[in-house]
Amino acid sequence: MLSRVSLVHLELLNDGAGGKPTAGQLLAVAAGVGVATALGYGVYRLLQYRAAQQPPSEWHRVGEVSDLWIYPIKSCGAVRVRQFQCSPIGPQVGFLRDRIFMVVKSADGKFITGRSHPTLVLVQPAFDAQYERMTLSAPGMMDIGVDVKKLLESSAPGSAEVWDQPVTAVDCGEEVARWLSRFLLSEDFGLRLVYYPLDRPTRPVREKNRIHRLLTARDSGALHDATSYMLVSEGSVADVNARLDKPVPALQFRANILVKGPSAFEEDDWKWIRIGDTVYRNVKPCTRCLFTNVDPETGVSSPEQEPLTTLRKYRLKPGLGQSPVVGMQMGIRTLGAIGLGDAVYVG
């Protein structure tokens, strides 16, 4: 069926030629129809995308915040807090920021994680009252301090890699490098600790994540895998544990925000989330890897590959392969602060 514009074109062709239009003229009209259709569809998709970026005008309460965690070193221990500020690169309290440090190989600057080095979770950070100095502890090791404020002010940035993407990174020095190498490798060398000194994300969306059309470069955080905020519900954790012989703590899913109130996996379908004066967009389901099997108390990966084995039986999603989903990854859209007990609204 020809569009109104195309019919007008045909009428003009007929009037101008005094007879039937030629094959060339008909092809020109057909091309015009195709261009008009493509433009119309493009405008429709653009309007649809813009609408998806607008927060809702109505919200309903689904629960409240029951726990908050910040993981200052990628794959290492968590710092439990009562509240945090929500910055463009993730949760923060002073210089305590989420995934702002990571352990890298001395040879090439590529990061290591709990997938290959599960005992990373036993490296436990703690911060002073001013949230300016970090102390690291680990089994069998003397504590070591890192002056984060001084580090940021005095060191020249270099570079490292997160999933083959280059990032700006400040080296944290020989002493902590030797400490980490001794604990993780039983050697005096081999690893370094680096720090992300910027206050904005700099990495593009990883190629494997481009199927999630709402995920943007502004959501990539500091040294995060995909986004700077992750949420899971107590109901989802309870559902997983009901299927396991040995239950796992909520901390094993390494979320920033734990919510009580929603039923199991209800968060899968949330589009917008409001907590306190912050607003987030659900941009990606949180897919789970081998690190999910690592016990945060012992640093040992489950010999039975649990809970990942059980999750693969009922939490796989189309297009995501063999990576089951628990929780969601969020992009922040309105900055602010959140705290324990804050109501959680969705729209």
C-alpha atoms as a PDB file:
ATOM      1  CA  MET A   1       0.000   0.000   0.000  1.00  0.00           C
ATOM      2  CA  LEU A   2       1.554   3.313  -1.123  1.00  0.00           C
ATOM      3  CA  SER A   3       1.834   6.257   1.220  1.00  0.00           C
ATOM      4  CA  ARG A   4       0.017   9.530   0.608  1.00  0.00           C
ATOM      5  CA  VAL A   5       3.343  11.107  -0.475  1.00  0.00           C
ATOM      6  CA  SER A   6       3.991   8.289  -2.952  1.00  0.00           C
ATOM      7  CA  LEU A   7       0.529   8.604  -4.499  1.00  0.00           C
ATOM      8  CA  VAL A   8       1.103  12.318  -5.021  1.00  0.00           C
ATOM      9  CA  HIS A   9       4.416  11.490  -6.715  1.00  0.00           C
ATOM     10  CA  LEU A  10       2.677   9.090  -9.072  1.00  0.00           C
ATOM     11  CA  GLU A  11       0.014  11.648  -9.909  1.00  0.00           C
ATOM     12  CA  LEU A  12       2.699  14.209 -10.730  1.00  0.00           C
ATOM     13  CA  LEU A  13       4.503  11.698 -12.918  1.00  0.00           C
ATOM     14  CA  ASN A  14       1.301  10.923 -14.792  1.00  0.00           C
ATOM     15  CA  ASP A  15       0.453  14.600 -15.259  1.00  0.00           C
ATOM     16  CA  GLY A  16       3.959  15.518 -16.417  1.00  0.00           C
ATOM     17  CA  ALA A  17       4.389  12.683 -18.886  1.00  0.00           C
ATOM     18  CA  GLY A  18       0.886  12.643 -20.340  1.00  0.00           C
ATOM     19  CA  GLY A  19       0.758   8.859 -19.838  1.00  0.00           C
ATOM     20  CA  LYS A  20       1.942   6.025 -17.699  1.00  0.00           C
ATOM     21  CA  PRO A  21       5.131   6.569 -15.680  1.00  0.00           C
ATOM     22  CA  THR A  22       8.288   4.863 -16.897  1.00  0.00           C
ATOM     23  CA  ALA A  23      10.052   2.031 -15.058  1.00  0.00           C
ATOM     24  CA  GLY A  24      12.727   4.476 -13.945  1.00  0.00           C
ATOM     25  CA  GLN A  25      10.158   6.835 -12.512  1.00  0.00           C
ATOM     26  CA  LEU A  26       8.464   3.992 -10.644  1.00  0.00           C
ATOM     27  CA  LEU A  27      11.823   2.936  -9.176  1.00  0.00           C
ATOM     28  CA  ALA A  28      12.425   6.504  -8.023  1.00  0.00           C
ATOM     29  CA  VAL A  29       9.052   6.532  -6.284  1.00  0.00           C
ATOM     30  CA  ALA A  30       9.774   3.167  -4.659  1.00  0.00           C
ATOM     31  CA  ALA A  31      13.109   4.481  -3.404  1.00  0.00           C
ATOM     32  CA  GLY A  32      11.339   7.497  -1.954  1.00  0.00           C
ATOM     33  CA  VAL A  33       8.878   5.218  -0.166  1.00  0.00           C
ATOM     34  CA  GLY A  34      11.781   3.253   1.331  1.00  0.00           C
ATOM     35  CA  VAL A  35      13.556   6.373   2.549  1.00  0.00           C
ATOM     36  CA  ALA A  36      10.357   7.782   4.057  1.00  0.00           C
ATOM     37  CA  THR A  37       9.615   4.484   5.800  1.00  0.00           C
ATOM     38  CA  ALA A  38      13.158   4.230   7.172  1.00  0.00           C
ATOM     39  CA  LEU A  39      13.081   7.815   8.424  1.00  0.00           C
ATOM     40  CA  GLY A  40       9.706   7.272  10.031  1.00  0.00           C
ATOM     41  CA  TYR A  41      10.908   4.126  11.801  1.00  0.00           C
ATOM     42  CA  GLY A  42      14.083   5.890  12.897  1.00  0.00           C
ATOM     43  CA  VAL A  43      12.098   8.750  14.401  1.00  0.00           C
ATOM     44  CA  TYR A  44       9.805   6.244  16.142  1.00  0.00           C
ATOM     45  CA  ARG A  45      12.762   4.379  17.689  1.00  0.00           C
ATOM     46  CA  LEU A  46      14.367   7.652  18.781  1.00  0.00           C
ATOM     47  CA  LEU A  47      11.164   8.792  20.486  1.00  0.00           C
ATOM     48  CA  GLN A  48      10.797   5.377  22.076  1.00  0.00           C
ATOM     49  CA  TYR A  49      14.383   5.510  23.398  1.00  0.00           C
ATOM     50  CA  ARG A  50      13.921   9.024  24.783  1.00  0.00           C
ATOM     51  CA  ALA A  51      10.722   7.978  26.523  1.00  0.00           C
ATOM     52  CA  ALA A  52      12.581   5.067  28.129  1.00  0.00           C
ATOM     53  CA  GLN A  53      15.106   7.547  29.571  1.00  0.00           C
ATOM     54  CA  GLN A  54      12.489   9.636  31.382  1.00  0.00           C
ATOM     55  CA  PRO A  55      11.799   8.792  35.057  1.00  0.00           C
ATOM     56  CA  PRO A  56       8.154   7.982  35.848  1.00  0.00           C
ATOM     57  CA  SER A  57       5.758  10.432  37.485  1.00  0.00           C
ATOM     58  CA  GLU A  58       4.260   7.759  39.749  1.00  0.00           C
ATOM     59  CA  TRP A  59       6.075   5.458  42.176  1.00  0.00           C
ATOM     60  CA  HIS A  60       5.031   2.650  44.503  1.00  0.00           C
ATOM     61  CA  ARG A  61       6.893   1.369  47.529  1.00  0.00           C
ATOM     62  CA  VAL A  62       8.268  -2.171  47.355  1.00  0.00           C
ATOM     63  CA  GLY A  63      10.503  -2.418  50.419  1.00  0.00           C
ATOM     64  CA  GLU A  64      13.428  -0.852  52.238  1.00  0.00           C
ATOM     65  CA  VAL A  65      17.213  -0.933  52.302  1.00  0.00           C
ATOM     66  CA  SER A  66      18.463  -3.606  54.719  1.00  0.00           C
ATOM     67  CA  ASP A  67      22.204  -3.569  54.009  1.00  0.00           C
ATOM     68  CA  LEU A  68      24.809  -1.482  52.175  1.00  0.00           C
ATOM     69  CA  TRP A  69      28.290  -2.500  51.066  1.00  0.00           C
ATOM     70  CA  ILE A  70      31.231  -0.804  49.382  1.00  0.00           C
ATOM     71  CA  TYR A  71      34.053  -2.872  47.859  1.00  0.00           C
ATOM     72  CA  PRO A  72      37.045  -0.505  47.686  1.00  0.00           C
ATOM     73  CA  ILE A  73      39.317  -3.100  46.023  1.00  0.00           C
ATOM     74  CA  LYS A  74      37.934  -5.077  43.109  1.00  0.00           C
ATOM     75  CA  SER A  75      37.308  -8.710  44.199  1.00  0.00           C
ATOM     76  CA  CYS A  76      38.452  -8.053  47.788  1.00  0.00           C
ATOM     77  CA  GLY A  77      36.469  -7.789  51.025  1.00  0.00           C
ATOM     78  CA  ALA A  78      33.490  -5.498  51.583  1.00  0.00           C
ATOM     79  CA  VAL A  79      33.120  -2.552  53.934  1.00  0.00           C
ATOM     80  CA  ARG A  80      29.626  -2.479  55.454  1.00  0.00           C
ATOM     81  CA  VAL A  81      28.280   1.063  55.900  1.00  0.00           C
ATOM     82  CA  ARG A  82      25.098   2.644  57.217  1.00  0.00           C
ATOM     83  CA  GLN A  83      24.838   5.154  54.398  1.00  0.00           C
ATOM     84  CA  PHE A  84      26.709   6.350  51.343  1.00  0.00           C
ATOM     85  CA  GLN A  85      26.792   9.114  48.787  1.00  0.00           C
ATOM     86  CA  CYS A  86      25.932   8.123  45.242  1.00  0.00           C
ATOM     87  CA  SER A  87      28.471   9.530  42.797  1.00  0.00           C
ATOM     88  CA  PRO A  88      28.739   9.090  39.005  1.00  0.00           C
ATOM     89  CA  ILE A  89      31.345   6.345  39.542  1.00  0.00           C
ATOM     90  CA  GLY A  90      29.658   4.497  42.402  1.00  0.00           C
ATOM     91  CA  PRO A  91      28.958   4.534  46.151  1.00  0.00           C
ATOM     92  CA  GLN A  92      31.325   6.525  48.347  1.00  0.00           C
ATOM     93  CA  VAL A  93      31.987   7.762  51.873  1.00  0.00           C
ATOM     94  CA  GLY A  94      34.893  10.201  51.730  1.00  0.00           C
ATOM     95  CA  PHE A  95      37.804   8.407  50.038  1.00  0.00           C
ATOM     96  CA  LEU A  96      36.098   5.052  50.584  1.00  0.00           C
ATOM     97  CA  ARG A  97      34.747   4.376  47.100  1.00  0.00           C
ATOM     98  CA  ASP A  98      33.448   1.319  45.294  1.00  0.00           C
ATOM     99  CA  ARG A  99      35.888  -0.633  43.072  1.00  0.00           C
ATOM    100  CA  ILE A 100      38.315   2.277  43.096  1.00  0.00           C
ATOM    101  CA  PHE A 101      41.358   0.009  43.614  1.00  0.00           C
ATOM    102  CA  MET A 102      42.342  -3.208  41.881  1.00  0.00           C
ATOM    103  CA  VAL A 103      45.166  -5.709  41.922  1.00  0.00           C
ATOM    104  CA  VAL A 104      47.073  -6.028  38.637  1.00  0.00           C
ATOM    105  CA  LYS A 105      49.920  -8.121  37.289  1.00  0.00           C
ATOM    106  CA  SER A 106      53.261  -6.349  37.365  1.00  0.00           C
ATOM    107  CA  ALA A 107      54.174  -7.639  33.935  1.00  0.00           C
ATOM    108  CA  ASP A 108      51.307  -6.239  31.871  1.00  0.00           C
ATOM    109  CA  GLY A 109      48.969  -4.198  34.100  1.00  0.00           C
ATOM    110  CA  LYS A 110      46.051  -6.591  33.574  1.00  0.00           C
ATOM    111  CA  PHE A 111      43.804  -7.049  36.567  1.00  0.00           C
ATOM    112  CA  ILE A 112      43.197 -10.243  38.517  1.00  0.00           C
ATOM    113  CA  THR A 113      39.895 -11.175  40.143  1.00  0.00           C
ATOM    114  CA  GLY A 114      38.384 -13.705  42.492  1.00  0.00           C
ATOM    115  CA  ARG A 115      37.589 -15.920  39.529  1.00  0.00           C
ATOM    116  CA  SER A 116      41.248 -16.933  39.212  1.00  0.00           C
ATOM    117  CA  HIS A 117      42.438 -15.895  42.687  1.00  0.00           C
ATOM    118  CA  PRO A 118      39.594 -16.638  45.166  1.00  0.00           C
ATOM    119  CA  THR A 119      41.709 -15.732  48.215  1.00  0.00           C
ATOM    120  CA  LEU A 120      41.443 -12.091  47.116  1.00  0.00           C
ATOM    121  CA  VAL A 121      38.212 -11.967  49.138  1.00  0.00           C
ATOM    122  CA  LEU A 122      40.279 -12.487  52.286  1.00  0.00           C
ATOM    123  CA  VAL A 123      42.053  -9.170  51.757  1.00  0.00           C
ATOM    124  CA  GLN A 124      39.910  -7.053  54.053  1.00  0.00           C
ATOM    125  CA  PRO A 125      40.016  -3.247  53.768  1.00  0.00           C
ATOM    126  CA  ALA A 126      39.084  -0.943  56.637  1.00  0.00           C
ATOM    127  CA  PHE A 127      39.026   2.854  56.806  1.00  0.00           C
ATOM    128  CA  ASP A 128      39.732   5.386  59.531  1.00  0.00           C
ATOM    129  CA  ALA A 129      37.030   7.689  60.943  1.00  0.00           C
ATOM    130  CA  GLN A 130      37.807  10.373  58.350  1.00  0.00           C
ATOM    131  CA  TYR A 131      37.670   7.860  55.483  1.00  0.00           C
ATOM    132  CA  GLU A 132      41.079   9.012  54.259  1.00  0.00           C
ATOM    133  CA  ARG A 133      43.366   6.109  55.153  1.00  0.00           C
ATOM    134  CA  MET A 134      42.831   2.452  54.250  1.00  0.00           C
ATOM    135  CA  THR A 135      44.240  -0.474  56.244  1.00  0.00           C
ATOM    136  CA  LEU A 136      44.491  -3.932  54.693  1.00  0.00           C
ATOM    137  CA  SER A 137      44.470  -7.165  56.674  1.00  0.00           C
ATOM    138  CA  ALA A 138      44.693 -10.801  55.583  1.00  0.00           C
ATOM    139  CA  PRO A 139      45.263 -14.165  57.318  1.00  0.00           C
ATOM    140  CA  GLY A 140      48.878 -14.638  58.356  1.00  0.00           C
ATOM    141  CA  MET A 141      49.849 -11.091  57.362  1.00  0.00           C
ATOM    142  CA  MET A 142      50.690  -7.960  59.348  1.00  0.00           C
ATOM    143  CA  ASP A 143      48.301  -5.106  58.579  1.00  0.00           C
ATOM    144  CA  ILE A 144      49.427  -2.521  56.062  1.00  0.00           C
ATOM    145  CA  GLY A 145      48.211   1.045  55.539  1.00  0.00           C
ATOM    146  CA  VAL A 146      47.502   3.028  52.375  1.00  0.00           C
ATOM    147  CA  ASP A 147      47.083   6.798  52.688  1.00  0.00           C
ATOM    148  CA  VAL A 148      44.448   7.295  49.999  1.00  0.00           C
ATOM    149  CA  LYS A 149      44.285  11.071  50.319  1.00  0.00           C
ATOM    150  CA  LYS A 150      48.043  11.478  50.036  1.00  0.00           C
ATOM    151  CA  LEU A 151      48.170   8.963  47.192  1.00  0.00           C
ATOM    152  CA  LEU A 152      45.659  10.921  45.165  1.00  0.00           C
ATOM    153  CA  GLU A 153      47.372  14.245  45.769  1.00  0.00           C
ATOM    154  CA  SER A 154      50.968  13.218  45.105  1.00  0.00           C
ATOM    155  CA  SER A 155      51.099  10.469  42.481  1.00  0.00           C
ATOM    156  CA  ALA A 156      51.279  10.787  38.720  1.00  0.00           C
ATOM    157  CA  PRO A 157      48.721   8.606  36.922  1.00  0.00           C
ATOM    158  CA  GLY A 158      49.679   5.706  34.691  1.00  0.00           C
ATOM    159  CA  SER A 159      47.469   3.090  33.085  1.00  0.00           C
ATOM    160  CA  ALA A 160      46.055  -0.402  33.576  1.00  0.00           C
ATOM    161  CA  GLU A 161      43.403  -2.566  31.927  1.00  0.00           C
ATOM    162  CA  VAL A 162      39.904  -3.750  32.862  1.00  0.00           C
ATOM    163  CA  TRP A 163      38.637  -6.414  30.451  1.00  0.00           C
ATOM    164  CA  ASP A 164      41.150  -5.227  27.852  1.00  0.00           C
ATOM    165  CA  GLN A 165      39.928  -1.639  28.174  1.00  0.00           C
ATOM    166  CA  PRO A 166      42.614   0.889  29.204  1.00  0.00           C
ATOM    167  CA  VAL A 167      41.965   2.920  32.356  1.00  0.00           C
ATOM    168  CA  THR A 168      43.843   5.669  34.153  1.00  0.00           C
ATOM    169  CA  ALA A 169      45.522   4.221  37.239  1.00  0.00           C
ATOM    170  CA  VAL A 170      47.836   5.428  40.000  1.00  0.00           C
ATOM    171  CA  ASP A 171      50.340   2.897  41.340  1.00  0.00           C
ATOM    172  CA  CYS A 172      50.149   2.539  45.131  1.00  0.00           C
ATOM    173  CA  GLY A 173      53.819   1.815  45.741  1.00  0.00           C
ATOM    174  CA  GLU A 174      56.292  -0.941  46.469  1.00  0.00           C
ATOM    175  CA  GLU A 175      55.307  -1.749  50.044  1.00  0.00           C
ATOM    176  CA  VAL A 176      51.694  -2.722  49.367  1.00  0.00           C
ATOM    177  CA  ALA A 177      52.722  -4.410  46.091  1.00  0.00           C
ATOM    178  CA  ARG A 178      55.108  -6.669  48.011  1.00  0.00           C
ATOM    179  CA  TRP A 179      52.443  -7.324  50.685  1.00  0.00           C
ATOM    180  CA  LEU A 180      49.868  -8.454  48.100  1.00  0.00           C
ATOM    181  CA  SER A 181      52.398 -10.538  46.185  1.00  0.00           C
ATOM    182  CA  ARG A 182      53.429 -12.352  49.349  1.00  0.00           C
ATOM    183  CA  PHE A 183      49.869 -13.098  50.398  1.00  0.00           C
ATOM    184  CA  LEU A 184      48.465 -14.099  47.017  1.00  0.00           C
ATOM    185  CA  LEU A 185      51.513 -15.558  45.251  1.00  0.00           C
ATOM    186  CA  SER A 186      53.906 -16.366  48.104  1.00  0.00           C
ATOM    187  CA  GLU A 187      56.448 -14.254  46.228  1.00  0.00           C
ATOM    188  CA  ASP A 188      57.997 -10.823  46.809  1.00  0.00           C
ATOM    189  CA  PHE A 189      56.899  -9.558  43.417  1.00  0.00           C
ATOM    190  CA  GLY A 190      54.346 -10.134  40.655  1.00  0.00           C
ATOM    191  CA  LEU A 191      51.409  -7.961  41.688  1.00  0.00           C
ATOM    192  CA  ARG A 192      50.681  -4.249  42.115  1.00  0.00           C
ATOM    193  CA  LEU A 193      47.829  -2.281  43.648  1.00  0.00           C
ATOM    194  CA  VAL A 194      46.476   0.567  41.521  1.00  0.00           C
ATOM    195  CA  TYR A 195      43.977   3.341  42.182  1.00  0.00           C
ATOM    196  CA  TYR A 196      41.488   5.067  39.872  1.00  0.00           C
ATOM    197  CA  PRO A 197      41.978   8.823  40.439  1.00  0.00           C
ATOM    198  CA  LEU A 198      39.123  10.271  38.366  1.00  0.00           C
ATOM    199  CA  ASP A 199      35.606  11.236  39.430  1.00  0.00           C
ATOM    200  CA  ARG A 200      33.879  10.229  36.206  1.00  0.00           C
ATOM    201  CA  PRO A 201      33.573   7.052  34.111  1.00  0.00           C
ATOM    202  CA  THR A 202      35.883   6.825  31.091  1.00  0.00           C
ATOM    203  CA  ARG A 203      35.299   3.401  29.533  1.00  0.00           C
ATOM    204  CA  PRO A 204      32.815   2.614  26.756  1.00  0.00           C
ATOM    205  CA  VAL A 205      30.301  -0.207  27.118  1.00  0.00           C
ATOM    206  CA  ARG A 206      32.033  -3.549  26.638  1.00  0.00           C
ATOM    207  CA  GLU A 207      31.186  -5.246  23.360  1.00  0.00           C
ATOM    208  CA  LYS A 208      29.523  -8.224  25.067  1.00  0.00           C
ATOM    209  CA  ASN A 209      27.187  -5.857  26.943  1.00  0.00           C
ATOM    210  CA  ARG A 210      26.005  -3.839  23.961  1.00  0.00           C
ATOM    211  CA  ILE A 211      22.919  -6.027  23.689  1.00  0.00           C
ATOM    212  CA  HIS A 212      21.599  -4.088  26.691  1.00  0.00           C
ATOM    213  CA  ARG A 213      20.467  -0.950  24.889  1.00  0.00           C
ATOM    214  CA  LEU A 214      19.843   1.080  28.065  1.00  0.00           C
ATOM    215  CA  LEU A 215      23.414   0.552  29.287  1.00  0.00           C
ATOM    216  CA  THR A 216      25.592   3.563  28.458  1.00  0.00           C
ATOM    217  CA  ALA A 217      29.216   4.588  28.944  1.00  0.00           C
ATOM    218  CA  ARG A 218      28.188   6.875  31.826  1.00  0.00           C
ATOM    219  CA  ASP A 219      27.199   3.747  33.804  1.00  0.00           C
ATOM    220  CA  SER A 220      30.614   2.018  33.617  1.00  0.00           C
ATOM    221  CA  GLY A 221      31.831   3.348  36.964  1.00  0.00           C
ATOM    222  CA  ALA A 222      35.445   3.347  38.128  1.00  0.00           C
ATOM    223  CA  LEU A 223      36.956  -0.153  37.775  1.00  0.00           C
ATOM    224  CA  HIS A 224      33.641  -2.035  37.678  1.00  0.00           C
ATOM    225  CA  ASP A 225      32.863  -4.911  35.321  1.00  0.00           C
ATOM    226  CA  ALA A 226      29.714  -3.321  33.889  1.00  0.00           C
ATOM    227  CA  THR A 227      27.979  -0.719  36.081  1.00  0.00           C
ATOM    228  CA  SER A 228      28.654   1.291  39.205  1.00  0.00           C
ATOM    229  CA  TYR A 229      25.611   0.108  41.225  1.00  0.00           C
ATOM    230  CA  MET A 230      24.171  -3.335  41.881  1.00  0.00           C
ATOM    231  CA  LEU A 231      21.065  -4.327  43.834  1.00  0.00           C
ATOM    232  CA  VAL A 232      19.639  -7.641  44.992  1.00  0.00           C
ATOM    233  CA  SER A 233      16.682  -8.501  47.221  1.00  0.00           C
ATOM    234  CA  GLU A 234      16.588 -10.652  50.332  1.00  0.00           C
ATOM    235  CA  GLY A 235      13.773 -12.599  48.693  1.00  0.00           C
ATOM    236  CA  SER A 236      15.986 -13.580  45.770  1.00  0.00           C
ATOM    237  CA  VAL A 237      18.791 -14.730  48.068  1.00  0.00           C
ATOM    238  CA  ALA A 238      16.301 -16.736  50.158  1.00  0.00           C
ATOM    239  CA  ASP A 239      14.923 -18.416  47.032  1.00  0.00           C
ATOM    240  CA  VAL A 240      18.409 -19.510  45.978  1.00  0.00           C
ATOM    241  CA  ASN A 241      19.218 -20.764  49.480  1.00  0.00           C
ATOM    242  CA  ALA A 242      16.005 -22.811  49.639  1.00  0.00           C
ATOM    243  CA  ARG A 243      17.435 -24.888  46.773  1.00  0.00           C
ATOM    244  CA  LEU A 244      20.932 -25.365  48.223  1.00  0.00           C
ATOM    245  CA  ASP A 245      22.228 -27.921  50.730  1.00  0.00           C
ATOM    246  CA  LYS A 246      24.551 -25.234  52.082  1.00  0.00           C
ATOM    247  CA  PRO A 247      23.041 -21.717  52.113  1.00  0.00           C
ATOM    248  CA  VAL A 248      25.180 -18.768  51.067  1.00  0.00           C
ATOM    249  CA  PRO A 249      25.177 -15.261  52.606  1.00  0.00           C
ATOM    250  CA  ALA A 250      23.768 -12.316  50.684  1.00  0.00           C
ATOM    251  CA  LEU A 251      27.293 -10.872  50.691  1.00  0.00           C
ATOM    252  CA  GLN A 252      28.379 -13.686  48.350  1.00  0.00           C
ATOM    253  CA  PHE A 253      26.424 -11.944  45.559  1.00  0.00           C
ATOM    254  CA  ARG A 254      28.520  -8.783  46.095  1.00  0.00           C
ATOM    255  CA  ALA A 255      25.726  -6.258  45.756  1.00  0.00           C
ATOM    256  CA  ASN A 256      25.955  -2.654  46.940  1.00  0.00           C
ATOM    257  CA  ILE A 257      22.316  -2.517  48.012  1.00  0.00           C
ATOM    258  CA  LEU A 258      20.267  -5.260  49.693  1.00  0.00           C
ATOM    259  CA  VAL A 259      16.509  -4.726  49.823  1.00  0.00           C
ATOM    260  CA  LYS A 260      13.958  -6.481  52.016  1.00  0.00           C
ATOM    261  CA  GLY A 261      10.281  -6.652  51.122  1.00  0.00           C
ATOM    262  CA  PRO A 262      10.056  -7.727  47.459  1.00  0.00           C
ATOM    263  CA  SER A 263       9.304 -11.309  46.480  1.00  0.00           C
ATOM    264  CA  ALA A 264      12.005 -13.436  44.883  1.00  0.00           C
ATOM    265  CA  PHE A 265      13.448 -11.968  41.679  1.00  0.00           C
ATOM    266  CA  GLU A 266      10.855  -9.221  41.558  1.00  0.00           C
ATOM    267  CA  GLU A 267      13.712  -6.831  40.819  1.00  0.00           C
ATOM    268  CA  ASP A 268      14.132  -8.455  37.387  1.00  0.00           C
ATOM    269  CA  ASP A 269      11.189  -6.433  36.102  1.00  0.00           C
ATOM    270  CA  TRP A 270      11.841  -3.080  37.771  1.00  0.00           C
ATOM    271  CA  LYS A 271      12.573  -0.327  35.290  1.00  0.00           C
ATOM    272  CA  TRP A 272      13.148   2.680  37.540  1.00  0.00           C
ATOM    273  CA  ILE A 273      14.200   2.687  41.209  1.00  0.00           C
ATOM    274  CA  ARG A 274      14.085   5.534  43.699  1.00  0.00           C
ATOM    275  CA  ILE A 275      15.820   5.379  47.100  1.00  0.00           C
ATOM    276  CA  GLY A 276      16.019   8.517  49.233  1.00  0.00           C
ATOM    277  CA  ASP A 277      16.751  11.343  46.820  1.00  0.00           C
ATOM    278  CA  THR A 278      18.514   9.105  44.273  1.00  0.00           C
ATOM    279  CA  VAL A 279      17.024   7.686  41.078  1.00  0.00           C
ATOM    280  CA  TYR A 280      18.406   4.730  39.114  1.00  0.00           C
ATOM    281  CA  ARG A 281      17.652   2.986  35.833  1.00  0.00           C
ATOM    282  CA  ASN A 282      17.719  -0.789  35.607  1.00  0.00           C
ATOM    283  CA  VAL A 283      20.127  -1.118  32.669  1.00  0.00           C
ATOM    284  CA  LYS A 284      21.232  -4.757  32.815  1.00  0.00           C
ATOM    285  CA  PRO A 285      20.467  -8.039  34.596  1.00  0.00           C
ATOM    286  CA  CYS A 286      23.338  -9.071  36.858  1.00  0.00           C
ATOM    287  CA  THR A 287      24.819 -12.185  35.283  1.00  0.00           C
ATOM    288  CA  ARG A 288      26.755 -14.517  37.547  1.00  0.00           C
ATOM    289  CA  CYS A 289      30.186 -16.091  37.041  1.00  0.00           C
ATOM    290  CA  LEU A 290      32.524 -18.470  38.892  1.00  0.00           C
ATOM    291  CA  PHE A 291      33.257 -15.812  41.508  1.00  0.00           C
ATOM    292  CA  THR A 292      29.721 -16.391  42.848  1.00  0.00           C
ATOM    293  CA  ASN A 293      30.948 -19.770  44.131  1.00  0.00           C
ATOM    294  CA  VAL A 294      33.610 -18.209  46.388  1.00  0.00           C
ATOM    295  CA  ASP A 295      32.825 -18.158  50.104  1.00  0.00           C
ATOM    296  CA  PRO A 296      33.597 -14.624  51.397  1.00  0.00           C
ATOM    297  CA  GLU A 297      34.548 -16.007  54.823  1.00  0.00           C
ATOM    298  CA  THR A 298      37.014 -18.689  53.703  1.00  0.00           C
ATOM    299  CA  GLY A 299      38.145 -17.610  50.226  1.00  0.00           C
ATOM    300  CA  VAL A 300      37.424 -21.145  48.996  1.00  0.00           C
ATOM    301  CA  SER A 301      35.503 -21.838  45.784  1.00  0.00           C
ATOM    302  CA  SER A 302      32.780 -24.450  46.221  1.00  0.00           C
ATOM    303  CA  PRO A 303      33.924 -27.907  44.997  1.00  0.00           C
ATOM    304  CA  GLU A 304      30.319 -28.505  43.895  1.00  0.00           C
ATOM    305  CA  GLN A 305      30.338 -25.203  41.995  1.00  0.00           C
ATOM    306  CA  GLU A 306      27.438 -23.912  44.062  1.00  0.00           C
ATOM    307  CA  PRO A 307      25.354 -21.820  43.904  1.00  0.00           C
ATOM    308  CA  LEU A 308      26.199 -21.423  40.189  1.00  0.00           C
ATOM    309  CA  THR A 309      25.205 -25.006  39.295  1.00  0.00           C
ATOM    310  CA  THR A 310      21.782 -24.627  40.877  1.00  0.00           C
ATOM    311  CA  LEU A 311      21.245 -21.180  39.389  1.00  0.00           C
ATOM    312  CA  ARG A 312      21.875 -22.535  35.897  1.00  0.00           C
ATOM    313  CA  LYS A 313      18.926 -24.879  36.360  1.00  0.00           C
ATOM    314  CA  TYR A 314      16.381 -22.082  36.688  1.00  0.00           C
ATOM    315  CA  ARG A 315      17.873 -18.593  36.319  1.00  0.00           C
ATOM    316  CA  LEU A 316      19.161 -18.545  32.734  1.00  0.00           C
ATOM    317  CA  LYS A 317      17.778 -15.785  30.500  1.00  0.00           C
ATOM    318  CA  PRO A 318      17.497 -15.658  26.685  1.00  0.00           C
ATOM    319  CA  GLY A 319      20.569 -14.211  25.004  1.00  0.00           C
ATOM    320  CA  LEU A 320      22.782 -14.450  28.097  1.00  0.00           C
ATOM    321  CA  GLY A 321      24.271 -17.891  27.543  1.00  0.00           C
ATOM    322  CA  GLN A 322      25.188 -19.959  30.602  1.00  0.00           C
ATOM    323  CA  SER A 323      25.430 -16.979  32.948  1.00  0.00           C
ATOM    324  CA  PRO A 324      22.436 -17.086  35.323  1.00  0.00           C
ATOM    325  CA  VAL A 325      20.886 -13.908  36.710  1.00  0.00           C
ATOM    326  CA  VAL A 326      20.594 -12.797  40.338  1.00  0.00           C
ATOM    327  CA  GLY A 327      20.030  -9.094  41.000  1.00  0.00           C
ATOM    328  CA  MET A 328      20.252  -6.152  38.651  1.00  0.00           C
ATOM    329  CA  GLN A 329      22.832  -3.610  37.615  1.00  0.00           C
ATOM    330  CA  MET A 330      21.809   0.013  37.689  1.00  0.00           C
ATOM    331  CA  GLY A 331      22.865   3.301  36.194  1.00  0.00           C
ATOM    332  CA  ILE A 332      22.406   6.335  38.396  1.00  0.00           C
ATOM    333  CA  ARG A 333      20.288   9.148  36.969  1.00  0.00           C
ATOM    334  CA  THR A 334      19.825  11.463  39.996  1.00  0.00           C
ATOM    335  CA  LEU A 335      22.684  11.836  42.484  1.00  0.00           C
ATOM    336  CA  GLY A 336      22.192  11.958  46.236  1.00  0.00           C
ATOM    337  CA  ALA A 337      22.589   9.779  49.338  1.00  0.00           C
ATOM    338  CA  ILE A 338      20.936   6.628  50.667  1.00  0.00           C
ATOM    339  CA  GLY A 339      20.950   4.899  54.039  1.00  0.00           C
ATOM    340  CA  LEU A 340      19.782   1.833  55.915  1.00  0.00           C
ATOM    341  CA  GLY A 341      16.006   1.773  56.317  1.00  0.00           C
ATOM    342  CA  ASP A 342      15.354   4.065  53.364  1.00  0.00           C
ATOM    343  CA  ALA A 343      12.199   3.193  51.467  1.00  0.00           C
ATOM    344  CA  VAL A 344      12.635   1.694  48.006  1.00  0.00           C
ATOM    345  CA  TYR A 345      10.206   2.763  45.290  1.00  0.00           C
ATOM    346  CA  VAL A 346       9.839   1.539  41.723  1.00  0.00           C
ATOM    347  CA  GLY A 347       8.117   3.053  38.726  1.00  0.00           C
END
